[in-house]
Amino acid sequence: MPTIKPISDLRNYNKVLQDISAGEPVFLTKNGRGKFAIIDINEYEKLKASLKLMSQLAQGEQAGKEKGWMAIEEVRTELGIENV
């Protein structure tokens, strides 16, 4: 179950920070609506890395559609990998 707190709880931010743990963000609301999420820095870094990877994969897929795909043999030759 997510931790949801009003943004006014930030007046006592130490209590809010105690409620944060890896994988379980604290959601802050303003006027009853979601406004911010506080997450562990390691989780933030993982999210950033995942978004970057997904973006690069999408770019690779788009390039494959536009320029054509390489056969596995071509990839091995390009990378200098012997057949396994």
PDB file of N, CA and C in Angstrom:
ATOM      1  N   MET A   1       0.848  -1.180   0.000  1.00  0.00           N
ATOM      2  CA  MET A   1       0.000   0.000   0.000  1.00  0.00           C
ATOM      3  C   MET A   1       0.891   1.239   0.000  1.00  0.00           C
ATOM      4  N   PRO A   2       0.650   2.187  -0.906  1.00  0.00           N
ATOM      5  CA  PRO A   2       1.507   3.369  -0.974  1.00  0.00           C
ATOM      6  C   PRO A   2       1.327   4.275   0.238  1.00  0.00           C
ATOM      7  N   THR A   3       2.385   5.002   0.562  1.00  0.00           N
ATOM      8  CA  THR A   3       2.324   5.988   1.630  1.00  0.00           C
ATOM      9  C   THR A   3       1.937   7.322   1.007  1.00  0.00           C
ATOM     10  N   ILE A   4       0.828   7.875   1.456  1.00  0.00           N
ATOM     11  CA  ILE A   4       0.322   9.138   0.927  1.00  0.00           C
ATOM     12  C   ILE A   4       0.174  10.109   2.087  1.00  0.00           C
ATOM     13  N   LYS A   5       0.764  11.291   1.908  1.00  0.00           N
ATOM     14  CA  LYS A   5       0.720  12.293   2.973  1.00  0.00           C
ATOM     15  C   LYS A   5       0.412  13.656   2.367  1.00  0.00           C
ATOM     16  N   PRO A   6      -0.230  14.531   3.140  1.00  0.00           N
ATOM     17  CA  PRO A   6      -0.425  15.897   2.646  1.00  0.00           C
ATOM     18  C   PRO A   6       0.903  16.637   2.642  1.00  0.00           C
ATOM     19  N   ILE A   7       1.075  17.542   1.698  1.00  0.00           N
ATOM     20  CA  ILE A   7       2.326  18.282   1.580  1.00  0.00           C
ATOM     21  C   ILE A   7       2.618  19.086   2.849  1.00  0.00           C
ATOM     22  N   SER A   8       1.596  19.417   3.596  1.00  0.00           N
ATOM     23  CA  SER A   8       1.790  20.165   4.849  1.00  0.00           C
ATOM     24  C   SER A   8       2.622  19.373   5.853  1.00  0.00           C
ATOM     25  N   ASP A   9       2.683  18.044   5.696  1.00  0.00           N
ATOM     26  CA  ASP A   9       3.513  17.222   6.590  1.00  0.00           C
ATOM     27  C   ASP A   9       4.998  17.523   6.436  1.00  0.00           C
ATOM     28  N   LEU A  10       5.375  18.231   5.373  1.00  0.00           N
ATOM     29  CA  LEU A  10       6.792  18.564   5.189  1.00  0.00           C
ATOM     30  C   LEU A  10       7.292  19.537   6.251  1.00  0.00           C
ATOM     31  N   ARG A  11       6.377  20.145   6.992  1.00  0.00           N
ATOM     32  CA  ARG A  11       6.821  20.993   8.113  1.00  0.00           C
ATOM     33  C   ARG A  11       7.656  20.156   9.077  1.00  0.00           C
ATOM     34  N   ASN A  12       7.310  18.887   9.202  1.00  0.00           N
ATOM     35  CA  ASN A  12       8.084  17.951  10.010  1.00  0.00           C
ATOM     36  C   ASN A  12       8.691  16.928   9.049  1.00  0.00           C
ATOM     37  N   TYR A  13       9.623  17.415   8.191  1.00  0.00           N
ATOM     38  CA  TYR A  13      10.153  16.574   7.115  1.00  0.00           C
ATOM     39  C   TYR A  13      10.911  15.357   7.617  1.00  0.00           C
ATOM     40  N   ASN A  14      11.442  15.393   8.835  1.00  0.00           N
ATOM     41  CA  ASN A  14      12.142  14.211   9.358  1.00  0.00           C
ATOM     42  C   ASN A  14      11.198  13.021   9.447  1.00  0.00           C
ATOM     43  N   LYS A  15       9.965  13.259   9.827  1.00  0.00           N
ATOM     44  CA  LYS A  15       8.975  12.189   9.915  1.00  0.00           C
ATOM     45  C   LYS A  15       8.655  11.658   8.520  1.00  0.00           C
ATOM     46  N   VAL A  16       8.536  12.548   7.538  1.00  0.00           N
ATOM     47  CA  VAL A  16       8.258  12.115   6.171  1.00  0.00           C
ATOM     48  C   VAL A  16       9.425  11.282   5.658  1.00  0.00           C
ATOM     49  N   LEU A  17      10.648  11.736   5.895  1.00  0.00           N
ATOM     50  CA  LEU A  17      11.828  11.011   5.417  1.00  0.00           C
ATOM     51  C   LEU A  17      11.964   9.637   6.058  1.00  0.00           C
ATOM     52  N   GLN A  18      11.509   9.482   7.289  1.00  0.00           N
ATOM     53  CA  GLN A  18      11.557   8.177   7.949  1.00  0.00           C
ATOM     54  C   GLN A  18      10.646   7.170   7.250  1.00  0.00           C
ATOM     55  N   ASP A  19       9.609   7.663   6.601  1.00  0.00           N
ATOM     56  CA  ASP A  19       8.647   6.777   5.952  1.00  0.00           C
ATOM     57  C   ASP A  19       9.093   6.329   4.561  1.00  0.00           C
ATOM     58  N   ILE A  20      10.240   6.826   4.086  1.00  0.00           N
ATOM     59  CA  ILE A  20      10.717   6.475   2.749  1.00  0.00           C
ATOM     60  C   ILE A  20      11.627   5.259   2.843  1.00  0.00           C
ATOM     61  N   SER A  21      11.370   4.273   1.992  1.00  0.00           N
ATOM     62  CA  SER A  21      12.250   3.121   1.903  1.00  0.00           C
ATOM     63  C   SER A  21      12.372   2.734   0.429  1.00  0.00           C
ATOM     64  N   ALA A  22      13.419   1.986   0.128  1.00  0.00           N
ATOM     65  CA  ALA A  22      13.670   1.590  -1.259  1.00  0.00           C
ATOM     66  C   ALA A  22      12.453   0.868  -1.819  1.00  0.00           C
ATOM     67  N   GLY A  23      12.036   1.284  -2.997  1.00  0.00           N
ATOM     68  CA  GLY A  23      10.913   0.640  -3.655  1.00  0.00           C
ATOM     69  C   GLY A  23       9.547   1.098  -3.188  1.00  0.00           C
ATOM     70  N   GLU A  24       9.507   1.962  -2.179  1.00  0.00           N
ATOM     71  CA  GLU A  24       8.231   2.432  -1.660  1.00  0.00           C
ATOM     72  C   GLU A  24       8.258   3.947  -1.502  1.00  0.00           C
ATOM     73  N   PRO A  25       7.885   4.665  -2.545  1.00  0.00           N
ATOM     74  CA  PRO A  25       7.912   6.125  -2.463  1.00  0.00           C
ATOM     75  C   PRO A  25       6.826   6.668  -1.539  1.00  0.00           C
ATOM     76  N   VAL A  26       7.018   7.904  -1.123  1.00  0.00           N
ATOM     77  CA  VAL A  26       5.993   8.624  -0.377  1.00  0.00           C
ATOM     78  C   VAL A  26       5.387   9.631  -1.342  1.00  0.00           C
ATOM     79  N   PHE A  27       4.072   9.596  -1.489  1.00  0.00           N
ATOM     80  CA  PHE A  27       3.375  10.514  -2.376  1.00  0.00           C
ATOM     81  C   PHE A  27       2.828  11.667  -1.546  1.00  0.00           C
ATOM     82  N   LEU A  28       3.104  12.882  -2.006  1.00  0.00           N
ATOM     83  CA  LEU A  28       2.615  14.072  -1.317  1.00  0.00           C
ATOM     84  C   LEU A  28       1.455  14.669  -2.103  1.00  0.00           C
ATOM     85  N   THR A  29       0.422  15.076  -1.381  1.00  0.00           N
ATOM     86  CA  THR A  29      -0.749  15.652  -2.019  1.00  0.00           C
ATOM     87  C   THR A  29      -0.877  17.125  -1.656  1.00  0.00           C
ATOM     88  N   LYS A  30      -1.484  17.867  -2.564  1.00  0.00           N
ATOM     89  CA  LYS A  30      -1.809  19.269  -2.307  1.00  0.00           C
ATOM     90  C   LYS A  30      -3.261  19.450  -2.698  1.00  0.00           C
ATOM     91  N   ASN A  31      -4.065  19.922  -1.766  1.00  0.00           N
ATOM     92  CA  ASN A  31      -5.506  20.072  -1.979  1.00  0.00           C
ATOM     93  C   ASN A  31      -6.150  18.750  -2.411  1.00  0.00           C
ATOM     94  N   GLY A  32      -5.665  17.657  -1.835  1.00  0.00           N
ATOM     95  CA  GLY A  32      -6.259  16.351  -2.086  1.00  0.00           C
ATOM     96  C   GLY A  32      -5.838  15.674  -3.376  1.00  0.00           C
ATOM     97  N   ARG A  33      -4.943  16.295  -4.125  1.00  0.00           N
ATOM     98  CA  ARG A  33      -4.489  15.720  -5.399  1.00  0.00           C
ATOM     99  C   ARG A  33      -3.002  15.437  -5.331  1.00  0.00           C
ATOM    100  N   GLY A  34      -2.577  14.368  -6.019  1.00  0.00           N
ATOM    101  CA  GLY A  34      -1.165  14.024  -6.057  1.00  0.00           C
ATOM    102  C   GLY A  34      -0.335  15.158  -6.634  1.00  0.00           C
ATOM    103  N   LYS A  35       0.769  15.502  -5.981  1.00  0.00           N
ATOM    104  CA  LYS A  35       1.603  16.616  -6.429  1.00  0.00           C
ATOM    105  C   LYS A  35       3.059  16.187  -6.610  1.00  0.00           C
ATOM    106  N   PHE A  36       3.619  15.441  -5.650  1.00  0.00           N
ATOM    107  CA  PHE A  36       5.027  15.053  -5.683  1.00  0.00           C
ATOM    108  C   PHE A  36       5.197  13.616  -5.205  1.00  0.00           C
ATOM    109  N   ALA A  37       6.334  13.036  -5.580  1.00  0.00           N
ATOM    110  CA  ALA A  37       6.712  11.722  -5.056  1.00  0.00           C
ATOM    111  C   ALA A  37       8.137  11.840  -4.526  1.00  0.00           C
ATOM    112  N   ILE A  38       8.368  11.326  -3.349  1.00  0.00           N
ATOM    113  CA  ILE A  38       9.708  11.308  -2.768  1.00  0.00           C
ATOM    114  C   ILE A  38      10.177   9.859  -2.809  1.00  0.00           C
ATOM    115  N   ILE A  39      11.346   9.643  -3.445  1.00  0.00           N
ATOM    116  CA  ILE A  39      11.865   8.281  -3.561  1.00  0.00           C
ATOM    117  C   ILE A  39      13.316   8.232  -3.104  1.00  0.00           C
ATOM    118  N   ASP A  40      13.748   7.053  -2.749  1.00  0.00           N
ATOM    119  CA  ASP A  40      15.126   6.788  -2.373  1.00  0.00           C
ATOM    120  C   ASP A  40      16.035   7.114  -3.568  1.00  0.00           C
ATOM    121  N   ILE A  41      17.205   7.692  -3.324  1.00  0.00           N
ATOM    122  CA  ILE A  41      18.099   8.108  -4.403  1.00  0.00           C
ATOM    123  C   ILE A  41      18.517   6.932  -5.282  1.00  0.00           C
ATOM    124  N   ASN A  42      18.706   5.758  -4.707  1.00  0.00           N
ATOM    125  CA  ASN A  42      19.061   4.580  -5.498  1.00  0.00           C
ATOM    126  C   ASN A  42      17.930   4.203  -6.454  1.00  0.00           C
ATOM    127  N   GLU A  43      16.696   4.303  -5.991  1.00  0.00           N
ATOM    128  CA  GLU A  43      15.541   4.035  -6.842  1.00  0.00           C
ATOM    129  C   GLU A  43      15.480   5.056  -7.977  1.00  0.00           C
ATOM    130  N   TYR A  44      15.767   6.311  -7.654  1.00  0.00           N
ATOM    131  CA  TYR A  44      15.772   7.357  -8.676  1.00  0.00           C
ATOM    132  C   TYR A  44      16.800   7.050  -9.752  1.00  0.00           C
ATOM    133  N   GLU A  45      18.008   6.660  -9.343  1.00  0.00           N
ATOM    134  CA  GLU A  45      19.064   6.329 -10.301  1.00  0.00           C
ATOM    135  C   GLU A  45      18.661   5.136 -11.172  1.00  0.00           C
ATOM    136  N   LYS A  46      18.028   4.131 -10.571  1.00  0.00           N
ATOM    137  CA  LYS A  46      17.561   2.980 -11.344  1.00  0.00           C
ATOM    138  C   LYS A  46      16.508   3.398 -12.365  1.00  0.00           C
ATOM    139  N   LEU A  47      15.584   4.260 -11.956  1.00  0.00           N
ATOM    140  CA  LEU A  47      14.547   4.737 -12.870  1.00  0.00           C
ATOM    141  C   LEU A  47      15.156   5.508 -14.033  1.00  0.00           C
ATOM    142  N   LYS A  48      16.124   6.374 -13.717  1.00  0.00           N
ATOM    143  CA  LYS A  48      16.792   7.136 -14.776  1.00  0.00           C
ATOM    144  C   LYS A  48      17.499   6.214 -15.753  1.00  0.00           C
ATOM    145  N   ALA A  49      18.213   5.218 -15.236  1.00  0.00           N
ATOM    146  CA  ALA A  49      18.933   4.269 -16.093  1.00  0.00           C
ATOM    147  C   ALA A  49      17.951   3.467 -16.948  1.00  0.00           C
ATOM    148  N   SER A  50      16.832   3.069 -16.367  1.00  0.00           N
ATOM    149  CA  SER A  50      15.819   2.311 -17.121  1.00  0.00           C
ATOM    150  C   SER A  50      15.233   3.151 -18.245  1.00  0.00           C
ATOM    151  N   LEU A  51      14.944   4.406 -17.961  1.00  0.00           N
ATOM    152  CA  LEU A  51      14.405   5.290 -18.996  1.00  0.00           C
ATOM    153  C   LEU A  51      15.406   5.506 -20.127  1.00  0.00           C
ATOM    154  N   LYS A  52      16.672   5.660 -19.770  1.00  0.00           N
ATOM    155  CA  LYS A  52      17.710   5.847 -20.787  1.00  0.00           C
ATOM    156  C   LYS A  52      17.824   4.593 -21.659  1.00  0.00           C
ATOM    157  N   LEU A  53      17.827   3.422 -21.031  1.00  0.00           N
ATOM    158  CA  LEU A  53      17.913   2.169 -21.768  1.00  0.00           C
ATOM    159  C   LEU A  53      16.717   2.008 -22.702  1.00  0.00           C
ATOM    160  N   MET A  54      15.519   2.271 -22.201  1.00  0.00           N
ATOM    161  CA  MET A  54      14.318   2.145 -23.025  1.00  0.00           C
ATOM    162  C   MET A  54      14.378   3.104 -24.216  1.00  0.00           C
ATOM    163  N   SER A  55      14.868   4.305 -24.001  1.00  0.00           N
ATOM    164  CA  SER A  55      14.996   5.275 -25.081  1.00  0.00           C
ATOM    165  C   SER A  55      15.987   4.792 -26.136  1.00  0.00           C
ATOM    166  N   GLN A  56      17.128   4.252 -25.690  1.00  0.00           N
ATOM    167  CA  GLN A  56      18.138   3.747 -26.626  1.00  0.00           C
ATOM    168  C   GLN A  56      17.620   2.533 -27.398  1.00  0.00           C
ATOM    169  N   LEU A  57      16.873   1.654 -26.739  1.00  0.00           N
ATOM    170  CA  LEU A  57      16.291   0.504 -27.420  1.00  0.00           C
ATOM    171  C   LEU A  57      15.282   0.950 -28.474  1.00  0.00           C
ATOM    172  N   ALA A  58      14.484   1.961 -28.152  1.00  0.00           N
ATOM    173  CA  ALA A  58      13.510   2.483 -29.113  1.00  0.00           C
ATOM    174  C   ALA A  58      14.226   3.104 -30.308  1.00  0.00           C
ATOM    175  N   GLN A  59      15.334   3.807 -30.059  1.00  0.00           N
ATOM    176  CA  GLN A  59      16.115   4.382 -31.152  1.00  0.00           C
ATOM    177  C   GLN A  59      16.696   3.284 -32.030  1.00  0.00           C
ATOM    178  N   GLY A  60      17.200   2.223 -31.425  1.00  0.00           N
ATOM    179  CA  GLY A  60      17.745   1.095 -32.172  1.00  0.00           C
ATOM    180  C   GLY A  60      16.685   0.412 -33.008  1.00  0.00           C
ATOM    181  N   GLU A  61      15.511   0.234 -32.439  1.00  0.00           N
ATOM    182  CA  GLU A  61      14.415  -0.383 -33.181  1.00  0.00           C
ATOM    183  C   GLU A  61      14.023   0.488 -34.371  1.00  0.00           C
ATOM    184  N   GLN A  62      13.941   1.795 -34.147  1.00  0.00           N
ATOM    185  CA  GLN A  62      13.584   2.715 -35.231  1.00  0.00           C
ATOM    186  C   GLN A  62      14.642   2.678 -36.333  1.00  0.00           C
ATOM    187  N   ALA A  63      15.919   2.658 -35.956  1.00  0.00           N
ATOM    188  CA  ALA A  63      16.997   2.588 -36.943  1.00  0.00           C
ATOM    189  C   ALA A  63      16.913   1.289 -37.740  1.00  0.00           C
ATOM    190  N   GLY A  64      16.593   0.187 -37.070  1.00  0.00           N
ATOM    191  CA  GLY A  64      16.438  -1.097 -37.755  1.00  0.00           C
ATOM    192  C   GLY A  64      15.312  -1.067 -38.761  1.00  0.00           C
ATOM    193  N   LYS A  65      14.211  -0.409 -38.391  1.00  0.00           N
ATOM    194  CA  LYS A  65      13.074  -0.317 -39.307  1.00  0.00           C
ATOM    195  C   LYS A  65      13.409   0.556 -40.512  1.00  0.00           C
ATOM    196  N   GLU A  66      14.175   1.619 -40.271  1.00  0.00           N
ATOM    197  CA  GLU A  66      14.495   2.557 -41.356  1.00  0.00           C
ATOM    198  C   GLU A  66      15.630   2.062 -42.251  1.00  0.00           C
ATOM    199  N   LYS A  67      16.668   1.492 -41.632  1.00  0.00           N
ATOM    200  CA  LYS A  67      17.883   1.135 -42.376  1.00  0.00           C
ATOM    201  C   LYS A  67      18.022  -0.355 -42.614  1.00  0.00           C
ATOM    202  N   GLY A  68      17.160  -1.131 -42.033  1.00  0.00           N
ATOM    203  CA  GLY A  68      17.227  -2.581 -42.184  1.00  0.00           C
ATOM    204  C   GLY A  68      17.994  -3.214 -41.031  1.00  0.00           C
ATOM    205  N   TRP A  69      17.752  -4.487 -40.847  1.00  0.00           N
ATOM    206  CA  TRP A  69      18.362  -5.232 -39.748  1.00  0.00           C
ATOM    207  C   TRP A  69      19.609  -5.956 -40.246  1.00  0.00           C
ATOM    208  N   MET A  70      20.521  -6.248 -39.327  1.00  0.00           N
ATOM    209  CA  MET A  70      21.725  -7.010 -39.652  1.00  0.00           C
ATOM    210  C   MET A  70      21.484  -8.469 -39.282  1.00  0.00           C
ATOM    211  N   ALA A  71      22.001  -9.351 -40.095  1.00  0.00           N
ATOM    212  CA  ALA A  71      21.938 -10.778 -39.767  1.00  0.00           C
ATOM    213  C   ALA A  71      22.927 -11.041 -38.633  1.00  0.00           C
ATOM    214  N   ILE A  72      22.683 -12.095 -37.865  1.00  0.00           N
ATOM    215  CA  ILE A  72      23.552 -12.418 -36.726  1.00  0.00           C
ATOM    216  C   ILE A  72      24.995 -12.630 -37.171  1.00  0.00           C
ATOM    217  N   GLU A  73      25.188 -13.188 -38.348  1.00  0.00           N
ATOM    218  CA  GLU A  73      26.544 -13.400 -38.850  1.00  0.00           C
ATOM    219  C   GLU A  73      27.248 -12.059 -39.074  1.00  0.00           C
ATOM    220  N   GLU A  74      26.503 -11.074 -39.584  1.00  0.00           N
ATOM    221  CA  GLU A  74      27.065  -9.741 -39.793  1.00  0.00           C
ATOM    222  C   GLU A  74      27.450  -9.095 -38.471  1.00  0.00           C
ATOM    223  N   VAL A  75      26.639  -9.285 -37.470  1.00  0.00           N
ATOM    224  CA  VAL A  75      26.914  -8.723 -36.145  1.00  0.00           C
ATOM    225  C   VAL A  75      28.176  -9.346 -35.575  1.00  0.00           C
ATOM    226  N   ARG A  76      28.292 -10.670 -35.679  1.00  0.00           N
ATOM    227  CA  ARG A  76      29.479 -11.360 -35.165  1.00  0.00           C
ATOM    228  C   ARG A  76      30.739 -10.886 -35.875  1.00  0.00           C
ATOM    229  N   THR A  77      30.657 -10.731 -37.192  1.00  0.00           N
ATOM    230  CA  THR A  77      31.800 -10.255 -37.965  1.00  0.00           C
ATOM    231  C   THR A  77      32.157  -8.838 -37.552  1.00  0.00           C
ATOM    232  N   GLU A  78      31.156  -7.998 -37.435  1.00  0.00           N
ATOM    233  CA  GLU A  78      31.363  -6.592 -37.045  1.00  0.00           C
ATOM    234  C   GLU A  78      32.027  -6.477 -35.679  1.00  0.00           C
ATOM    235  N   LEU A  79      31.625  -7.357 -34.739  1.00  0.00           N
ATOM    236  CA  LEU A  79      32.174  -7.326 -33.391  1.00  0.00           C
ATOM    237  C   LEU A  79      33.424  -8.194 -33.231  1.00  0.00           C
ATOM    238  N   GLY A  80      33.763  -8.935 -34.244  1.00  0.00           N
ATOM    239  CA  GLY A  80      34.945  -9.797 -34.167  1.00  0.00           C
ATOM    240  C   GLY A  80      34.734 -10.990 -33.273  1.00  0.00           C
ATOM    241  N   ILE A  81      33.515 -11.502 -33.248  1.00  0.00           N
ATOM    242  CA  ILE A  81      33.180 -12.663 -32.400  1.00  0.00           C
ATOM    243  C   ILE A  81      33.120 -13.887 -33.286  1.00  0.00           C
ATOM    244  N   GLU A  82      33.806 -14.959 -32.855  1.00  0.00           N
ATOM    245  CA  GLU A  82      33.745 -16.204 -33.611  1.00  0.00           C
ATOM    246  C   GLU A  82      32.429 -16.899 -33.338  1.00  0.00           C
ATOM    247  N   ASN A  83      31.984 -17.701 -34.296  1.00  0.00           N
ATOM    248  CA  ASN A  83      30.740 -18.465 -34.116  1.00  0.00           C
ATOM    249  C   ASN A  83      30.869 -19.387 -32.916  1.00  0.00           C
ATOM    250  N   VAL A  84      29.837 -19.402 -32.125  1.00  0.00           N
ATOM    251  CA  VAL A  84      29.804 -20.261 -30.935  1.00  0.00           C
ATOM    252  C   VAL A  84      28.802 -21.350 -31.103  1.00  0.00           C
TER     253      VAL A  84
END
